[in-house]
Amino acid sequence: MTELLQNLINGLAIGSVYAIFALGYTLVFSILGIINFAHGAVFTLGAYFTYTLVVGQFENNGLIKGINLFPAGSPFHGSAWAFAAAALIGAVVSGLVAVVIERLAFRPMRARGADPLLALVSSLGVALVIVNLIQILVGAESYSFPGDIYGDLKPALIMHLGGKLIVVRSVQVIIFGVSMVLLLILGYVIGRTRVGKALRAVAENPGTASLLGISVNRFIVITFFLSGFLGGLAGTLVSTAFSVAGPYFGVAYGLKGLAVIVLGGLGSIPGAVVGGLVIGLAEAFVPAQYSAYKDAVAFALLFVILLLRPQGLLGRVQIQKV
């Protein structure tokens, strides 16, 4: 029972991050019907933006090695509220970068009526440019956040059950709590507000939405901003639990995000949430001695479920009109 609860806690924490990261994929796919491969790079940027605000310099390598960006001390270091502000700013900047990606990699293709596959390849090219720019600027080394970014919060909560200990890292509780709040807010925005209704209309039929007076391009920009915001914040949350593990660390999470949206059902927001939690829990229950095979277990689960239900857990069967 102790091991079961420990694995549940670990799985829900990482699964909730997978969910908010995969929602960025889902939002773009539901509007444009394509996968934004630059989303993993935006995830990485979110972590680096927040780290830059909190720490203010990179010591190991790169063009800006040793440059102190805040000579008098970073205003975003010293308290949990300061770190929260840094994470929020990092997420907003990530959202703005996603908007720039839409203008450079997606809108020109859309204006020319190009095949969606070309837009996908274009986004992959943008992702490679971004991660290489990061490597040129700050190097390929890992960077860890200071241990006091959450203020005086205890590193872990220890519970006793049947004479055994269950250790819950405080960062896991924060990750899960922030993720659930974001999911609830996004669900409310999509389901209850005028912006959400307009987004759903554009996703259903852009042509009809345009005839009804909805600015399709404007709402596509809003979609990309929300996608980048979620991806950047997910990058920050993951890096506080582990580290900013180099420019390419978003690539692995990008692949995991793709698995999540396929598992949950392409274009389904509830499916992205369920898929993220399922994959997170599946990884958590892999025995410690086989931890190197966590990714294999997650993708094997995806393969089995798609054999049984090709549209995903909460996806809808696509009806082909002839």
Protein backbone atom coordinates (compact mmCIF):
# COMPACT_ATOMS: atom_id res chain seq x y z
CA MET A 1 0.00 0.00 0.00
CA THR A 2 2.84 2.40 0.83
CA GLU A 3 4.53 1.78 -2.51
CA LEU A 4 1.19 2.13 -4.30
CA LEU A 5 0.52 5.54 -2.77
CA GLN A 6 4.08 6.72 -3.43
CA ASN A 7 3.80 5.75 -7.10
CA LEU A 8 0.38 7.40 -7.38
CA ILE A 9 1.76 10.65 -6.03
CA ASN A 10 4.77 10.55 -8.36
CA GLY A 11 2.63 9.64 -11.36
CA LEU A 12 0.02 12.35 -10.78
CA ALA A 13 2.73 15.01 -10.41
CA ILE A 14 4.55 14.25 -13.65
CA GLY A 15 1.34 13.30 -15.47
CA SER A 16 -0.20 16.69 -14.73
CA VAL A 17 2.80 18.39 -16.38
CA TYR A 18 2.44 16.11 -19.40
CA ALA A 19 -1.20 17.17 -19.56
CA ILE A 20 -0.64 20.94 -19.63
CA PHE A 21 2.25 20.52 -22.08
CA ALA A 22 0.14 18.33 -24.37
CA LEU A 23 -2.71 20.86 -24.24
CA GLY A 24 -0.47 23.20 -26.24
CA TYR A 25 -0.30 20.60 -29.01
CA THR A 26 -4.04 19.99 -28.75
CA LEU A 27 -5.05 23.63 -29.03
CA VAL A 28 -3.06 24.15 -32.23
CA PHE A 29 -4.15 20.84 -33.73
CA SER A 30 -7.82 21.53 -33.02
CA ILE A 31 -7.59 24.86 -34.92
CA LEU A 32 -5.21 24.09 -37.79
CA GLY A 33 -5.24 20.30 -37.93
CA ILE A 34 -1.43 20.12 -37.77
CA ILE A 35 1.20 19.34 -35.13
CA ASN A 36 3.44 22.21 -34.04
CA PHE A 37 6.85 20.57 -33.68
CA ALA A 38 8.29 23.83 -32.33
CA HIS A 39 6.26 23.34 -29.14
CA GLY A 40 9.09 21.36 -27.50
CA ALA A 41 11.49 24.23 -28.18
CA VAL A 42 9.05 26.68 -26.57
CA PHE A 43 8.94 24.34 -23.56
CA THR A 44 12.74 24.64 -23.32
CA LEU A 45 12.63 28.42 -23.74
CA GLY A 46 10.18 28.76 -20.84
CA ALA A 47 12.65 27.06 -18.52
CA TYR A 48 15.57 29.19 -19.72
CA PHE A 49 13.60 32.45 -19.53
CA THR A 50 12.60 31.77 -15.93
CA TYR A 51 16.11 30.65 -14.96
CA THR A 52 17.54 33.84 -16.48
CA LEU A 53 15.18 36.00 -14.41
CA VAL A 54 15.86 34.10 -11.18
CA VAL A 55 19.63 33.55 -11.42
CA GLY A 56 20.73 36.22 -13.87
CA GLN A 57 23.80 34.60 -15.39
CA PHE A 58 25.21 31.44 -16.97
CA GLU A 59 28.62 30.32 -15.78
CA ASN A 60 29.62 27.31 -17.85
CA ASN A 61 29.67 28.06 -21.57
CA GLY A 62 28.20 30.05 -24.45
CA LEU A 63 28.43 33.60 -25.74
CA ILE A 64 26.91 35.15 -22.62
CA LYS A 65 29.01 33.09 -20.18
CA GLY A 66 29.75 35.00 -17.00
CA ILE A 67 27.71 38.07 -17.93
CA ASN A 68 25.76 39.26 -14.88
CA LEU A 69 22.40 40.44 -16.19
CA PHE A 70 21.36 41.82 -12.79
CA PRO A 71 24.48 43.41 -11.21
CA ALA A 72 22.54 44.55 -8.13
CA GLY A 73 20.87 41.16 -7.65
CA SER A 74 17.89 39.63 -9.41
CA PRO A 75 14.55 41.05 -8.23
CA PHE A 76 13.02 37.63 -8.96
CA HIS A 77 15.05 35.71 -6.41
CA GLY A 78 14.50 35.54 -2.70
CA SER A 79 10.91 34.55 -2.17
CA ALA A 80 8.26 32.20 -3.51
CA TRP A 81 6.24 35.16 -4.82
CA ALA A 82 9.25 36.50 -6.71
CA PHE A 83 9.77 33.11 -8.33
CA ALA A 84 6.07 32.90 -9.20
CA ALA A 85 6.37 36.28 -10.96
CA ALA A 86 9.44 35.04 -12.87
CA ALA A 87 7.63 31.86 -13.93
CA LEU A 88 4.63 33.89 -15.10
CA ILE A 89 6.82 36.29 -17.10
CA GLY A 90 8.71 33.37 -18.61
CA ALA A 91 5.43 31.77 -19.67
CA VAL A 92 4.16 35.03 -21.21
CA VAL A 93 7.39 35.51 -23.17
CA SER A 94 7.12 31.88 -24.34
CA GLY A 95 3.60 32.63 -25.53
CA LEU A 96 4.87 35.63 -27.49
CA VAL A 97 7.60 33.47 -29.06
CA ALA A 98 4.89 31.00 -30.12
CA VAL A 99 3.02 33.88 -31.78
CA VAL A 100 6.19 34.79 -33.71
CA ILE A 101 6.52 31.14 -34.76
CA GLU A 102 2.96 31.26 -36.07
CA ARG A 103 3.76 34.34 -38.16
CA LEU A 104 6.98 32.87 -39.55
CA ALA A 105 6.27 29.16 -39.95
CA PHE A 106 2.51 28.77 -40.27
CA ARG A 107 0.79 31.88 -41.65
CA PRO A 108 2.81 32.10 -44.90
CA MET A 109 2.07 28.45 -45.61
CA ARG A 110 -1.59 28.94 -44.80
CA ALA A 111 -1.81 32.01 -47.04
CA ARG A 112 -0.41 30.02 -49.98
CA GLY A 113 -2.71 27.07 -49.33
CA ALA A 114 0.29 24.80 -48.86
CA ASP A 115 -0.01 21.18 -47.81
CA PRO A 116 -0.20 20.85 -43.98
CA LEU A 117 2.86 18.59 -44.11
CA LEU A 118 4.96 21.56 -45.28
CA ALA A 119 3.87 23.62 -42.27
CA LEU A 120 4.84 20.72 -40.02
CA VAL A 121 8.31 20.57 -41.60
CA SER A 122 8.59 24.35 -41.29
CA SER A 123 7.82 24.20 -37.56
CA LEU A 124 10.45 21.47 -37.15
CA GLY A 125 12.99 23.77 -38.81
CA VAL A 126 12.08 26.62 -36.44
CA ALA A 127 12.52 24.27 -33.46
CA LEU A 128 16.03 23.32 -34.58
CA VAL A 129 16.95 26.99 -35.04
CA ILE A 130 15.71 27.84 -31.52
CA VAL A 131 17.54 25.05 -29.71
CA ASN A 132 20.76 25.79 -31.59
CA LEU A 133 20.51 29.47 -30.72
CA ILE A 134 20.11 28.50 -27.06
CA GLN A 135 23.18 26.31 -27.28
CA ILE A 136 25.22 29.10 -28.88
CA LEU A 137 24.19 31.57 -26.18
CA VAL A 138 24.39 29.45 -23.01
CA GLY A 139 26.04 26.16 -23.97
CA ALA A 140 24.74 22.62 -23.61
CA GLU A 141 25.29 22.18 -19.85
CA SER A 142 22.55 21.63 -17.30
CA TYR A 143 21.55 24.34 -14.83
CA SER A 144 19.66 23.87 -11.58
CA PHE A 145 17.46 26.41 -9.85
CA PRO A 146 18.51 27.57 -6.37
CA GLY A 147 17.14 25.47 -3.54
CA ASP A 148 15.22 28.38 -1.99
CA ILE A 149 13.05 29.38 -4.95
CA TYR A 150 9.95 28.32 -3.02
CA GLY A 151 10.97 30.31 0.04
CA ASP A 152 10.86 28.60 3.42
CA LEU A 153 8.75 25.71 2.15
CA LYS A 154 9.96 22.34 3.43
CA PRO A 155 11.66 20.23 0.73
CA ALA A 156 9.38 17.29 1.45
CA LEU A 157 6.35 16.18 3.41
CA ILE A 158 6.78 12.88 5.23
CA MET A 159 3.76 10.75 6.08
CA HIS A 160 3.69 7.54 8.09
CA LEU A 161 1.57 4.62 6.94
CA GLY A 162 1.75 1.20 8.55
CA GLY A 163 5.19 1.86 9.97
CA LYS A 164 6.57 2.95 6.59
CA LEU A 165 7.28 6.37 5.20
CA ILE A 166 5.71 8.10 2.22
CA VAL A 167 7.80 11.02 0.99
CA VAL A 168 6.00 13.71 -0.98
CA ARG A 169 8.33 16.32 -2.42
CA SER A 170 6.93 19.81 -2.00
CA VAL A 171 7.71 20.57 -5.63
CA GLN A 172 5.45 17.65 -6.63
CA VAL A 173 2.55 19.16 -4.71
CA ILE A 174 3.18 22.55 -6.32
CA ILE A 175 3.42 21.07 -9.81
CA PHE A 176 0.20 19.13 -9.39
CA GLY A 177 -1.65 22.07 -7.83
CA VAL A 178 -0.55 24.59 -10.47
CA SER A 179 -1.34 22.14 -13.27
CA MET A 180 -4.84 21.44 -11.98
CA VAL A 181 -5.59 25.16 -11.54
CA LEU A 182 -4.42 25.84 -15.10
CA LEU A 183 -6.52 23.01 -16.47
CA LEU A 184 -9.61 24.29 -14.67
CA ILE A 185 -9.03 27.86 -15.90
CA LEU A 186 -8.46 26.70 -19.47
CA GLY A 187 -11.57 24.51 -19.32
CA TYR A 188 -13.61 27.48 -18.15
CA VAL A 189 -12.19 29.78 -20.85
CA ILE A 190 -12.83 27.28 -23.64
CA GLY A 191 -16.25 26.20 -22.43
CA ARG A 192 -17.80 29.32 -20.87
CA THR A 193 -16.40 32.50 -22.39
CA ARG A 194 -16.97 34.28 -25.71
CA VAL A 195 -13.31 33.79 -26.62
CA GLY A 196 -13.66 30.06 -26.02
CA LYS A 197 -16.82 29.85 -28.12
CA ALA A 198 -15.09 31.72 -30.95
CA LEU A 199 -12.11 29.35 -30.72
CA ARG A 200 -14.44 26.37 -30.92
CA ALA A 201 -16.17 27.89 -33.93
CA VAL A 202 -12.86 28.42 -35.73
CA ALA A 203 -11.84 24.86 -34.90
CA GLU A 204 -15.13 23.50 -36.25
CA ASN A 205 -15.16 25.43 -39.53
CA PRO A 206 -12.87 28.41 -40.19
CA GLY A 207 -14.78 29.43 -43.31
CA THR A 208 -18.14 29.57 -41.59
CA ALA A 209 -16.61 31.32 -38.57
CA SER A 210 -15.21 34.01 -40.88
CA LEU A 211 -18.62 34.53 -42.48
CA LEU A 212 -20.07 35.03 -38.98
CA GLY A 213 -17.65 37.92 -38.36
CA ILE A 214 -14.98 36.04 -36.40
CA SER A 215 -11.41 37.09 -37.22
CA VAL A 216 -9.86 33.68 -37.88
CA ASN A 217 -6.26 34.92 -37.91
CA ARG A 218 -6.72 36.78 -34.62
CA PHE A 219 -8.02 33.69 -32.87
CA ILE A 220 -5.26 31.56 -34.36
CA VAL A 221 -2.79 34.00 -32.76
CA ILE A 222 -4.65 33.67 -29.44
CA THR A 223 -4.41 29.89 -29.76
CA PHE A 224 -0.67 29.98 -30.33
CA PHE A 225 -0.18 32.35 -27.41
CA LEU A 226 -2.11 30.03 -25.08
CA SER A 227 -0.17 27.06 -26.44
CA GLY A 228 3.19 28.76 -25.87
CA PHE A 229 2.15 29.99 -22.41
CA LEU A 230 1.25 26.45 -21.32
CA GLY A 231 4.40 24.98 -22.86
CA GLY A 232 6.69 27.58 -21.27
CA LEU A 233 5.14 27.16 -17.84
CA ALA A 234 5.39 23.37 -18.13
CA GLY A 235 9.10 23.76 -18.92
CA THR A 236 9.62 25.85 -15.79
CA LEU A 237 7.73 23.39 -13.58
CA VAL A 238 9.70 20.41 -14.86
CA SER A 239 13.04 22.20 -14.50
CA THR A 240 12.34 23.12 -10.87
CA ALA A 241 11.77 19.45 -10.10
CA PHE A 242 14.84 18.25 -12.01
CA SER A 243 17.00 20.84 -13.81
CA VAL A 244 17.24 22.88 -17.00
CA ALA A 245 18.84 19.92 -18.72
CA GLY A 246 20.31 21.56 -21.81
CA PRO A 247 18.79 23.03 -25.00
CA TYR A 248 17.43 19.71 -26.22
CA PHE A 249 15.64 18.61 -23.07
CA GLY A 250 12.33 19.73 -24.53
CA VAL A 251 12.69 17.21 -27.35
CA ALA A 252 11.97 14.21 -25.11
CA TYR A 253 8.96 15.98 -23.59
CA GLY A 254 7.83 16.91 -27.08
CA LEU A 255 7.71 13.25 -28.05
CA LYS A 256 5.93 12.43 -24.81
CA GLY A 257 3.42 15.20 -25.52
CA LEU A 258 2.69 13.69 -28.92
CA ALA A 259 2.07 10.33 -27.27
CA VAL A 260 -0.29 12.00 -24.80
CA ILE A 261 -2.47 13.70 -27.42
CA VAL A 262 -2.64 10.56 -29.57
CA LEU A 263 -3.51 8.45 -26.53
CA GLY A 264 -6.18 10.86 -25.33
CA GLY A 265 -7.58 11.57 -28.78
CA LEU A 266 -6.34 14.15 -31.29
CA GLY A 267 -7.99 17.52 -30.73
CA SER A 268 -9.64 16.51 -27.44
CA ILE A 269 -8.83 18.77 -24.47
CA PRO A 270 -10.20 16.29 -21.87
CA GLY A 271 -8.32 13.58 -23.76
CA ALA A 272 -5.02 15.45 -23.34
CA VAL A 273 -5.60 15.63 -19.59
CA VAL A 274 -6.53 11.95 -19.29
CA GLY A 275 -3.69 10.88 -21.60
CA GLY A 276 -1.13 12.86 -19.59
CA LEU A 277 -2.23 11.36 -16.30
CA VAL A 278 -2.34 7.82 -17.74
CA ILE A 279 1.20 8.03 -19.14
CA GLY A 280 2.50 9.68 -15.96
CA LEU A 281 1.04 6.90 -13.83
CA ALA A 282 2.31 4.21 -16.21
CA GLU A 283 5.86 5.57 -15.87
CA ALA A 284 5.60 5.87 -12.09
CA PHE A 285 4.74 2.19 -11.70
CA VAL A 286 7.82 1.00 -13.60
CA PRO A 287 10.08 -0.71 -11.00
CA ALA A 288 13.19 1.26 -10.05
CA GLN A 289 15.55 -1.33 -11.53
CA TYR A 290 13.88 -0.84 -14.92
CA SER A 291 13.59 2.95 -14.79
CA ALA A 292 15.67 3.26 -17.98
CA TYR A 293 12.73 1.71 -19.83
CA LYS A 294 10.06 4.17 -18.67
CA ASP A 295 9.67 5.68 -22.13
CA ALA A 296 9.31 2.22 -23.67
CA VAL A 297 6.52 1.36 -21.23
CA ALA A 298 4.65 4.58 -22.02
CA PHE A 299 4.81 4.04 -25.77
CA ALA A 300 3.98 0.34 -25.45
CA LEU A 301 0.83 1.36 -23.55
CA LEU A 302 0.04 3.82 -26.33
CA PHE A 303 0.46 1.07 -28.93
CA VAL A 304 -1.84 -1.34 -27.11
CA ILE A 305 -4.60 1.22 -26.55
CA LEU A 306 -4.51 2.39 -30.17
CA LEU A 307 -4.86 -1.20 -31.33
CA LEU A 308 -8.05 -1.44 -29.28
CA ARG A 309 -9.30 2.11 -29.85
CA PRO A 310 -7.59 3.85 -32.81
CA GLN A 311 -9.25 7.23 -32.14
CA GLY A 312 -7.75 7.40 -28.63
CA LEU A 313 -9.39 7.22 -25.23
CA LEU A 314 -11.68 10.24 -25.65
CA GLY A 315 -11.34 10.91 -29.37
CA ARG A 316 -14.18 10.75 -31.84
CA VAL A 317 -14.29 8.58 -34.93
CA GLN A 318 -13.75 10.79 -37.96
CA ILE A 319 -16.52 10.41 -40.51
CA GLN A 320 -15.29 10.61 -44.09
CA LYS A 321 -17.73 12.41 -46.38
CA VAL A 322 -17.89 11.08 -49.95
